[in-house]
Amino acid sequence: KDTPAAAVNLKTGAGGDAFAAWAGAQGDGELPGPYALARADATTLTDSPLQTPSLMSLASLRALEAEMDGAALDPRRFRGNFWIDGAEPWAELGWAGRELAIGDVRLRVLEPIERCVATAANPETGLRDANPLLPLKRLHGRPLFGMLVEIVAGGELRPGMNVRAMDA
C-alpha cells in the first residue's frame, strides 16, 4: 500500500497514539482496530525466554521449501542472526551443547527454536501467505527451525567465513 511515512516519537503518549493510528490505516480494514502501542519496558518480546542470537541453516530452509511443494520462503521470516550453509538439512537440530567457531567468534549451541505463526508472514508485505508450521510439525513433531546460540567469545565476522565445530 502506498501510504506516506510517519515520523513519531514513540517515547510519548501522543507519539504512540499517532503510530497506532498510522499502523491501523495500513491494513485496509482487514484487521479492524482500535490499535494501541503496548509498552514492555521491563522485558523484550521474543520467541524464547533466553535472550540469545540464533543460528539458521540454508540447507534446512531449502528442505522446508521442498516440503512445501517448492514454495520460496524468504529467510527473513525466521529472523535469524547467523545463517550457515553446507551442513546436511536439519543437522543443526542435533547440535545442542556443541561449540562452533566462525573465525575468532565462538558460539555455544543451546536449543532448538520452536516457531510461532509470525513465520507465516511475508516480510515484504506483512501478509500471511505461507504456513511453515505445519510441515515443520510433520518433520519434527514440533515446529522447530533454527537453534539458539550463546556467544562465548566475540570477534569480527564477515560474510562467507567458514564455520567449524570445535569438537570435530
N, C-alpha and C. Protein backbone atom coordinates (compact mmCIF):
# COMPACT_ATOMS: atom_id res chain seq x y z
N LYS A 1 0.85 -1.17 0.00
CA LYS A 1 0.00 0.00 0.00
C LYS A 1 0.89 1.23 0.00
N ASP A 2 0.54 2.20 -0.79
CA ASP A 2 1.31 3.45 -0.87
C ASP A 2 0.76 4.45 0.12
N THR A 3 1.34 4.48 1.29
CA THR A 3 0.95 5.46 2.30
C THR A 3 2.17 6.26 2.69
N PRO A 4 1.97 7.49 3.07
CA PRO A 4 3.13 8.29 3.46
C PRO A 4 3.78 7.73 4.72
N ALA A 5 5.05 7.99 4.82
CA ALA A 5 5.79 7.58 6.01
C ALA A 5 5.31 8.39 7.20
N ALA A 6 5.51 7.85 8.37
CA ALA A 6 5.14 8.56 9.60
C ALA A 6 6.40 8.79 10.42
N ALA A 7 6.51 9.97 10.97
CA ALA A 7 7.62 10.28 11.88
C ALA A 7 6.99 10.63 13.22
N VAL A 8 7.21 9.76 14.21
CA VAL A 8 6.61 9.97 15.53
C VAL A 8 7.64 9.70 16.61
N ASN A 9 7.41 10.23 17.77
CA ASN A 9 8.26 9.97 18.93
C ASN A 9 7.56 8.92 19.77
N LEU A 10 8.05 7.68 19.74
CA LEU A 10 7.40 6.59 20.44
C LEU A 10 7.56 6.66 21.95
N LYS A 11 8.36 7.59 22.44
CA LYS A 11 8.55 7.75 23.88
C LYS A 11 7.44 8.58 24.52
N THR A 12 6.60 9.17 23.70
CA THR A 12 5.50 9.98 24.23
C THR A 12 4.17 9.29 23.98
N GLY A 13 3.19 9.57 24.81
CA GLY A 13 1.85 9.01 24.61
C GLY A 13 1.25 9.44 23.29
N ALA A 14 1.42 10.72 22.94
CA ALA A 14 0.88 11.23 21.68
C ALA A 14 1.56 10.54 20.49
N GLY A 15 2.87 10.31 20.59
CA GLY A 15 3.58 9.63 19.52
C GLY A 15 3.11 8.20 19.36
N GLY A 16 2.90 7.51 20.49
CA GLY A 16 2.39 6.15 20.44
C GLY A 16 1.00 6.09 19.83
N ASP A 17 0.15 7.03 20.19
CA ASP A 17 -1.20 7.09 19.61
C ASP A 17 -1.14 7.35 18.11
N ALA A 18 -0.24 8.27 17.69
CA ALA A 18 -0.11 8.59 16.27
C ALA A 18 0.39 7.37 15.49
N PHE A 19 1.35 6.63 16.08
CA PHE A 19 1.85 5.43 15.41
C PHE A 19 0.75 4.38 15.30
N ALA A 20 -0.02 4.19 16.37
CA ALA A 20 -1.10 3.19 16.34
C ALA A 20 -2.12 3.54 15.27
N ALA A 21 -2.45 4.82 15.14
CA ALA A 21 -3.41 5.25 14.11
C ALA A 21 -2.84 5.00 12.72
N TRP A 22 -1.55 5.32 12.54
CA TRP A 22 -0.90 5.10 11.25
C TRP A 22 -0.86 3.61 10.91
N ALA A 23 -0.46 2.77 11.88
CA ALA A 23 -0.37 1.33 11.65
C ALA A 23 -1.74 0.74 11.34
N GLY A 24 -2.76 1.21 12.04
CA GLY A 24 -4.11 0.71 11.79
C GLY A 24 -4.60 1.01 10.39
N ALA A 25 -4.14 2.14 9.83
CA ALA A 25 -4.57 2.52 8.47
C ALA A 25 -3.92 1.66 7.40
N GLN A 26 -2.87 0.91 7.74
CA GLN A 26 -2.14 0.11 6.76
C GLN A 26 -2.91 -1.14 6.33
N GLY A 27 -3.82 -1.63 7.16
CA GLY A 27 -4.48 -2.90 6.88
C GLY A 27 -5.73 -2.84 6.05
N ASP A 28 -6.12 -1.67 5.60
CA ASP A 28 -7.33 -1.53 4.79
C ASP A 28 -8.54 -2.18 5.44
N GLY A 29 -8.63 -2.14 6.75
CA GLY A 29 -9.77 -2.69 7.45
C GLY A 29 -9.76 -4.20 7.59
N GLU A 30 -8.70 -4.87 7.10
CA GLU A 30 -8.64 -6.33 7.18
C GLU A 30 -8.63 -6.80 8.62
N LEU A 31 -7.89 -6.10 9.47
CA LEU A 31 -7.86 -6.39 10.90
C LEU A 31 -8.30 -5.13 11.63
N PRO A 32 -9.60 -4.96 11.83
CA PRO A 32 -10.09 -3.70 12.40
C PRO A 32 -9.58 -3.46 13.80
N GLY A 33 -9.35 -2.21 14.12
CA GLY A 33 -8.82 -1.79 15.41
C GLY A 33 -9.90 -1.81 16.48
N PRO A 34 -9.74 -1.03 17.50
CA PRO A 34 -8.74 0.02 17.61
C PRO A 34 -7.36 -0.54 17.93
N TYR A 35 -6.33 0.18 17.50
CA TYR A 35 -4.95 -0.20 17.72
C TYR A 35 -4.36 0.65 18.84
N ALA A 36 -3.40 0.09 19.55
CA ALA A 36 -2.68 0.81 20.59
C ALA A 36 -1.25 0.31 20.59
N LEU A 37 -0.34 1.14 20.99
CA LEU A 37 1.04 0.75 21.14
C LEU A 37 1.24 0.25 22.56
N ALA A 38 1.63 -1.00 22.69
CA ALA A 38 1.85 -1.59 24.02
C ALA A 38 3.31 -1.41 24.40
N ARG A 39 3.54 -1.08 25.64
CA ARG A 39 4.90 -0.90 26.12
C ARG A 39 5.29 -2.11 26.98
N ALA A 40 6.51 -2.57 26.79
CA ALA A 40 7.03 -3.69 27.57
C ALA A 40 8.45 -3.32 27.99
N ASP A 41 8.56 -2.26 28.78
CA ASP A 41 9.87 -1.72 29.12
C ASP A 41 10.71 -2.67 29.96
N ALA A 42 10.09 -3.53 30.74
CA ALA A 42 10.86 -4.40 31.64
C ALA A 42 11.27 -5.72 30.99
N THR A 43 10.88 -5.95 29.75
CA THR A 43 11.18 -7.21 29.10
C THR A 43 11.33 -6.99 27.61
N THR A 44 11.78 -8.02 26.92
CA THR A 44 11.80 -7.99 25.46
C THR A 44 10.80 -9.01 24.97
N LEU A 45 10.36 -8.85 23.76
CA LEU A 45 9.35 -9.74 23.19
C LEU A 45 10.04 -10.66 22.18
N THR A 46 10.29 -11.89 22.58
CA THR A 46 10.98 -12.85 21.73
C THR A 46 10.26 -14.18 21.78
N ASP A 47 10.74 -15.11 20.95
CA ASP A 47 10.17 -16.46 20.92
C ASP A 47 10.61 -17.31 22.10
N SER A 48 11.55 -16.83 22.86
CA SER A 48 12.14 -17.64 23.93
C SER A 48 12.50 -16.76 25.12
N PRO A 49 12.44 -17.31 26.33
CA PRO A 49 12.89 -16.52 27.48
C PRO A 49 14.40 -16.28 27.46
N LEU A 50 15.13 -17.08 26.68
CA LEU A 50 16.57 -16.87 26.54
C LEU A 50 16.79 -15.70 25.57
N GLN A 51 17.56 -14.73 25.98
CA GLN A 51 17.84 -13.58 25.13
C GLN A 51 19.16 -13.81 24.40
N THR A 52 19.11 -14.64 23.38
CA THR A 52 20.32 -15.03 22.69
C THR A 52 20.12 -14.94 21.18
N PRO A 53 21.22 -14.87 20.43
CA PRO A 53 21.11 -14.91 18.97
C PRO A 53 20.69 -16.29 18.49
N SER A 54 20.46 -16.38 17.18
CA SER A 54 20.03 -17.64 16.60
C SER A 54 20.91 -18.03 15.42
N LEU A 55 20.95 -19.33 15.18
CA LEU A 55 21.71 -19.92 14.09
C LEU A 55 20.71 -20.64 13.19
N MET A 56 20.75 -20.34 11.90
CA MET A 56 19.83 -20.94 10.93
C MET A 56 20.63 -21.61 9.82
N SER A 57 20.02 -22.58 9.18
CA SER A 57 20.67 -23.32 8.10
C SER A 57 19.92 -23.11 6.79
N LEU A 58 20.66 -22.67 5.76
CA LEU A 58 20.06 -22.53 4.44
C LEU A 58 19.68 -23.88 3.85
N ALA A 59 20.42 -24.94 4.19
CA ALA A 59 20.06 -26.29 3.73
C ALA A 59 18.72 -26.71 4.32
N SER A 60 18.49 -26.39 5.58
CA SER A 60 17.21 -26.71 6.21
C SER A 60 16.08 -25.87 5.59
N LEU A 61 16.39 -24.62 5.26
CA LEU A 61 15.39 -23.78 4.61
C LEU A 61 15.00 -24.37 3.25
N ARG A 62 15.98 -24.82 2.49
CA ARG A 62 15.68 -25.44 1.19
C ARG A 62 14.86 -26.72 1.39
N ALA A 63 15.19 -27.51 2.41
CA ALA A 63 14.42 -28.74 2.68
C ALA A 63 12.99 -28.39 3.07
N LEU A 64 12.81 -27.34 3.84
CA LEU A 64 11.46 -26.91 4.21
C LEU A 64 10.69 -26.45 2.98
N GLU A 65 11.36 -25.71 2.11
CA GLU A 65 10.69 -25.27 0.87
C GLU A 65 10.26 -26.47 0.04
N ALA A 66 11.07 -27.52 -0.02
CA ALA A 66 10.70 -28.74 -0.75
C ALA A 66 9.49 -29.40 -0.12
N GLU A 67 9.41 -29.40 1.22
CA GLU A 67 8.25 -29.95 1.93
C GLU A 67 6.98 -29.15 1.63
N MET A 68 7.17 -27.89 1.23
CA MET A 68 6.04 -27.01 0.94
C MET A 68 5.85 -26.88 -0.57
N ASP A 69 6.13 -27.97 -1.29
CA ASP A 69 5.95 -28.04 -2.74
C ASP A 69 6.71 -26.96 -3.48
N GLY A 70 7.92 -26.65 -3.01
CA GLY A 70 8.77 -25.71 -3.71
C GLY A 70 8.49 -24.24 -3.45
N ALA A 71 7.64 -23.94 -2.47
CA ALA A 71 7.34 -22.54 -2.14
C ALA A 71 8.63 -21.84 -1.70
N ALA A 72 8.90 -20.69 -2.26
CA ALA A 72 10.09 -19.92 -1.88
C ALA A 72 9.81 -19.19 -0.57
N LEU A 73 10.65 -19.42 0.44
CA LEU A 73 10.49 -18.77 1.73
C LEU A 73 11.65 -17.81 1.94
N ASP A 74 11.34 -16.56 2.12
CA ASP A 74 12.36 -15.55 2.40
C ASP A 74 12.97 -15.87 3.76
N PRO A 75 14.28 -15.97 3.86
CA PRO A 75 14.91 -16.28 5.15
C PRO A 75 14.54 -15.30 6.27
N ARG A 76 14.17 -14.09 5.91
CA ARG A 76 13.82 -13.10 6.94
C ARG A 76 12.61 -13.52 7.76
N ARG A 77 11.81 -14.44 7.27
CA ARG A 77 10.67 -14.94 8.05
C ARG A 77 11.11 -15.48 9.40
N PHE A 78 12.32 -16.01 9.45
CA PHE A 78 12.80 -16.71 10.63
C PHE A 78 13.70 -15.85 11.52
N ARG A 79 13.95 -14.62 11.12
CA ARG A 79 14.67 -13.63 11.94
C ARG A 79 15.99 -14.18 12.48
N GLY A 80 16.74 -14.86 11.62
CA GLY A 80 18.00 -15.47 12.03
C GLY A 80 19.13 -14.47 12.13
N ASN A 81 20.01 -14.70 13.07
CA ASN A 81 21.20 -13.85 13.21
C ASN A 81 22.39 -14.40 12.44
N PHE A 82 22.59 -15.71 12.51
CA PHE A 82 23.69 -16.37 11.81
C PHE A 82 23.07 -17.38 10.84
N TRP A 83 23.34 -17.22 9.54
CA TRP A 83 22.88 -18.18 8.54
C TRP A 83 24.09 -18.94 8.02
N ILE A 84 24.00 -20.26 8.05
CA ILE A 84 25.09 -21.11 7.56
C ILE A 84 24.59 -21.94 6.38
N ASP A 85 25.55 -22.46 5.62
CA ASP A 85 25.21 -23.37 4.53
C ASP A 85 26.30 -24.43 4.45
N GLY A 86 25.95 -25.59 3.94
CA GLY A 86 26.93 -26.65 3.76
C GLY A 86 26.69 -27.86 4.64
N ALA A 87 25.95 -27.72 5.72
CA ALA A 87 25.62 -28.87 6.57
C ALA A 87 24.43 -29.59 5.96
N GLU A 88 24.21 -30.81 6.39
CA GLU A 88 23.02 -31.55 5.95
C GLU A 88 21.78 -30.86 6.50
N PRO A 89 20.67 -30.91 5.75
CA PRO A 89 19.43 -30.32 6.27
C PRO A 89 19.08 -30.89 7.64
N TRP A 90 18.72 -30.03 8.53
CA TRP A 90 18.26 -30.32 9.88
C TRP A 90 19.36 -30.80 10.82
N ALA A 91 20.60 -30.88 10.35
CA ALA A 91 21.69 -31.34 11.21
C ALA A 91 21.82 -30.46 12.45
N GLU A 92 21.59 -29.16 12.30
CA GLU A 92 21.76 -28.22 13.42
C GLU A 92 20.85 -28.54 14.60
N LEU A 93 19.73 -29.21 14.35
CA LEU A 93 18.81 -29.55 15.45
C LEU A 93 19.44 -30.53 16.44
N GLY A 94 20.52 -31.19 16.04
CA GLY A 94 21.22 -32.11 16.93
C GLY A 94 22.50 -31.55 17.52
N TRP A 95 22.73 -30.26 17.39
CA TRP A 95 23.99 -29.67 17.83
C TRP A 95 23.95 -29.07 19.23
N ALA A 96 22.88 -29.23 19.97
CA ALA A 96 22.82 -28.65 21.32
C ALA A 96 24.03 -29.10 22.14
N GLY A 97 24.68 -28.17 22.80
CA GLY A 97 25.84 -28.46 23.62
C GLY A 97 27.16 -28.33 22.88
N ARG A 98 27.13 -28.28 21.54
CA ARG A 98 28.36 -28.17 20.77
C ARG A 98 28.83 -26.71 20.73
N GLU A 99 30.11 -26.53 20.48
CA GLU A 99 30.66 -25.20 20.30
C GLU A 99 31.13 -25.07 18.86
N LEU A 100 30.76 -23.94 18.24
CA LEU A 100 31.14 -23.65 16.86
C LEU A 100 32.07 -22.46 16.83
N ALA A 101 32.93 -22.43 15.82
CA ALA A 101 33.83 -21.30 15.62
C ALA A 101 33.58 -20.70 14.24
N ILE A 102 33.50 -19.39 14.21
CA ILE A 102 33.45 -18.62 12.96
C ILE A 102 34.56 -17.59 13.12
N GLY A 103 35.70 -17.86 12.52
CA GLY A 103 36.85 -17.00 12.80
C GLY A 103 37.17 -17.09 14.28
N ASP A 104 37.32 -15.92 14.93
CA ASP A 104 37.59 -15.89 16.37
C ASP A 104 36.32 -15.99 17.21
N VAL A 105 35.18 -15.88 16.59
CA VAL A 105 33.90 -15.94 17.31
C VAL A 105 33.61 -17.38 17.70
N ARG A 106 33.20 -17.56 18.94
CA ARG A 106 32.80 -18.89 19.42
C ARG A 106 31.35 -18.84 19.84
N LEU A 107 30.58 -19.80 19.37
CA LEU A 107 29.16 -19.92 19.69
C LEU A 107 28.92 -21.24 20.38
N ARG A 108 28.17 -21.24 21.45
CA ARG A 108 27.71 -22.48 22.09
C ARG A 108 26.26 -22.67 21.65
N VAL A 109 25.97 -23.81 21.07
CA VAL A 109 24.63 -24.11 20.59
C VAL A 109 23.79 -24.55 21.79
N LEU A 110 22.64 -23.90 21.98
CA LEU A 110 21.83 -24.14 23.18
C LEU A 110 20.66 -25.09 22.93
N GLU A 111 19.69 -24.65 22.16
CA GLU A 111 18.47 -25.46 21.99
C GLU A 111 17.73 -25.05 20.72
N PRO A 112 16.88 -25.96 20.20
CA PRO A 112 16.09 -25.62 19.01
C PRO A 112 15.09 -24.50 19.32
N ILE A 113 14.73 -23.79 18.27
CA ILE A 113 13.74 -22.71 18.38
C ILE A 113 12.39 -23.25 17.93
N GLU A 114 11.42 -23.17 18.81
CA GLU A 114 10.05 -23.53 18.45
C GLU A 114 9.40 -22.29 17.85
N ARG A 115 8.96 -22.42 16.62
CA ARG A 115 8.47 -21.28 15.86
C ARG A 115 7.00 -20.98 16.11
N CYS A 116 6.66 -19.71 15.87
CA CYS A 116 5.29 -19.25 16.05
C CYS A 116 4.71 -18.83 14.69
N VAL A 117 3.48 -18.39 14.71
CA VAL A 117 2.77 -18.04 13.48
C VAL A 117 3.39 -16.84 12.77
N ALA A 118 4.28 -16.10 13.40
CA ALA A 118 4.92 -14.97 12.72
C ALA A 118 5.67 -15.41 11.47
N THR A 119 6.10 -16.67 11.41
CA THR A 119 6.82 -17.16 10.23
C THR A 119 5.90 -17.29 9.02
N ALA A 120 4.60 -17.20 9.22
CA ALA A 120 3.66 -17.26 8.10
C ALA A 120 3.58 -15.93 7.36
N ALA A 121 4.11 -14.87 7.95
CA ALA A 121 4.00 -13.53 7.36
C ALA A 121 5.12 -13.27 6.36
N ASN A 122 4.75 -12.80 5.20
CA ASN A 122 5.70 -12.39 4.18
C ASN A 122 6.42 -11.14 4.67
N PRO A 123 7.76 -11.14 4.74
CA PRO A 123 8.47 -9.98 5.27
C PRO A 123 8.35 -8.73 4.39
N GLU A 124 7.97 -8.88 3.14
CA GLU A 124 7.78 -7.72 2.27
C GLU A 124 6.42 -7.07 2.49
N THR A 125 5.39 -7.89 2.68
CA THR A 125 4.03 -7.36 2.74
C THR A 125 3.43 -7.39 4.14
N GLY A 126 3.95 -8.26 5.00
CA GLY A 126 3.36 -8.45 6.31
C GLY A 126 2.15 -9.36 6.29
N LEU A 127 1.71 -9.78 5.12
CA LEU A 127 0.53 -10.63 4.99
C LEU A 127 0.92 -12.10 5.12
N ARG A 128 0.04 -12.88 5.69
CA ARG A 128 0.27 -14.33 5.81
C ARG A 128 0.04 -14.96 4.45
N ASP A 129 1.09 -15.57 3.92
CA ASP A 129 0.98 -16.17 2.60
C ASP A 129 1.54 -17.59 2.54
N ALA A 130 2.02 -18.10 3.66
CA ALA A 130 2.55 -19.47 3.73
C ALA A 130 2.45 -19.91 5.18
N ASN A 131 2.41 -21.22 5.40
CA ASN A 131 2.36 -21.72 6.77
C ASN A 131 3.43 -22.77 6.97
N PRO A 132 4.66 -22.34 7.32
CA PRO A 132 5.71 -23.33 7.53
C PRO A 132 5.53 -24.17 8.80
N LEU A 133 4.63 -23.77 9.68
CA LEU A 133 4.47 -24.51 10.94
C LEU A 133 3.99 -25.94 10.72
N LEU A 134 3.06 -26.13 9.79
CA LEU A 134 2.52 -27.47 9.56
C LEU A 134 3.58 -28.45 9.06
N PRO A 135 4.36 -28.12 8.02
CA PRO A 135 5.39 -29.08 7.62
C PRO A 135 6.48 -29.25 8.68
N LEU A 136 6.78 -28.21 9.43
CA LEU A 136 7.77 -28.35 10.50
C LEU A 136 7.27 -29.32 11.56
N LYS A 137 5.99 -29.25 11.90
CA LYS A 137 5.42 -30.21 12.86
C LYS A 137 5.45 -31.62 12.31
N ARG A 138 5.17 -31.78 11.02
CA ARG A 138 5.22 -33.11 10.40
C ARG A 138 6.64 -33.67 10.46
N LEU A 139 7.62 -32.83 10.20
CA LEU A 139 9.01 -33.28 10.15
C LEU A 139 9.59 -33.59 11.52
N HIS A 140 9.26 -32.76 12.53
CA HIS A 140 9.96 -32.85 13.81
C HIS A 140 9.05 -33.09 15.01
N GLY A 141 7.74 -33.16 14.78
CA GLY A 141 6.82 -33.33 15.89
C GLY A 141 6.45 -32.01 16.55
N ARG A 142 7.27 -31.01 16.36
CA ARG A 142 7.05 -29.64 16.85
C ARG A 142 7.55 -28.70 15.76
N PRO A 143 7.11 -27.45 15.73
CA PRO A 143 7.55 -26.54 14.67
C PRO A 143 8.93 -25.96 14.95
N LEU A 144 9.95 -26.79 14.80
CA LEU A 144 11.32 -26.38 15.11
C LEU A 144 12.04 -25.90 13.86
N PHE A 145 12.69 -24.75 13.98
CA PHE A 145 13.54 -24.26 12.91
C PHE A 145 14.60 -23.35 13.52
N GLY A 146 15.86 -23.74 13.37
CA GLY A 146 16.98 -22.95 13.89
C GLY A 146 17.31 -23.32 15.32
N MET A 147 18.44 -22.76 15.78
CA MET A 147 18.93 -23.03 17.13
C MET A 147 19.30 -21.73 17.82
N LEU A 148 19.03 -21.67 19.11
CA LEU A 148 19.51 -20.56 19.91
C LEU A 148 20.98 -20.82 20.22
N VAL A 149 21.78 -19.76 20.20
CA VAL A 149 23.20 -19.89 20.49
C VAL A 149 23.61 -18.83 21.50
N GLU A 150 24.69 -19.12 22.19
CA GLU A 150 25.29 -18.17 23.12
C GLU A 150 26.65 -17.78 22.57
N ILE A 151 26.96 -16.50 22.59
CA ILE A 151 28.28 -16.05 22.14
C ILE A 151 29.25 -16.24 23.30
N VAL A 152 30.21 -17.14 23.12
CA VAL A 152 31.19 -17.46 24.15
C VAL A 152 32.40 -16.54 24.03
N ALA A 153 32.79 -16.23 22.80
CA ALA A 153 33.91 -15.31 22.55
C ALA A 153 33.58 -14.49 21.32
N GLY A 154 33.80 -13.19 21.41
CA GLY A 154 33.50 -12.29 20.31
C GLY A 154 34.64 -12.19 19.33
N GLY A 155 34.39 -11.50 18.25
CA GLY A 155 35.39 -11.30 17.22
C GLY A 155 34.74 -10.69 16.00
N GLU A 156 35.50 -10.55 14.95
CA GLU A 156 35.00 -9.96 13.71
C GLU A 156 34.37 -11.03 12.84
N LEU A 157 33.22 -10.71 12.27
CA LEU A 157 32.54 -11.61 11.34
C LEU A 157 32.40 -10.94 9.99
N ARG A 158 32.54 -11.75 8.93
CA ARG A 158 32.32 -11.27 7.57
C ARG A 158 31.53 -12.35 6.83
N PRO A 159 30.70 -11.93 5.88
CA PRO A 159 30.00 -12.94 5.07
C PRO A 159 30.99 -13.89 4.40
N GLY A 160 30.62 -15.14 4.34
CA GLY A 160 31.44 -16.14 3.67
C GLY A 160 32.46 -16.83 4.55
N MET A 161 32.54 -16.46 5.82
CA MET A 161 33.50 -17.11 6.71
C MET A 161 33.08 -18.56 6.95
N ASN A 162 34.06 -19.44 7.13
CA ASN A 162 33.79 -20.84 7.41
C ASN A 162 33.35 -21.04 8.85
N VAL A 163 32.47 -22.01 9.03
CA VAL A 163 32.02 -22.41 10.36
C VAL A 163 32.60 -23.79 10.63
N ARG A 164 33.16 -23.97 11.81
CA ARG A 164 33.70 -25.29 12.13
C ARG A 164 33.28 -25.66 13.56
N ALA A 165 33.08 -26.94 13.76
CA ALA A 165 32.75 -27.45 15.09
C ALA A 165 34.04 -27.57 15.87
N MET A 166 34.06 -27.10 17.09
CA MET A 166 35.26 -27.13 17.92
C MET A 166 35.57 -28.56 18.39
N ASP A 167 34.58 -29.44 18.42
CA ASP A 167 34.79 -30.79 18.89
C ASP A 167 35.00 -31.79 17.76
N ALA A 168 35.15 -31.26 16.54
CA ALA A 168 35.31 -32.15 15.38
C ALA A 168 36.78 -32.36 15.04
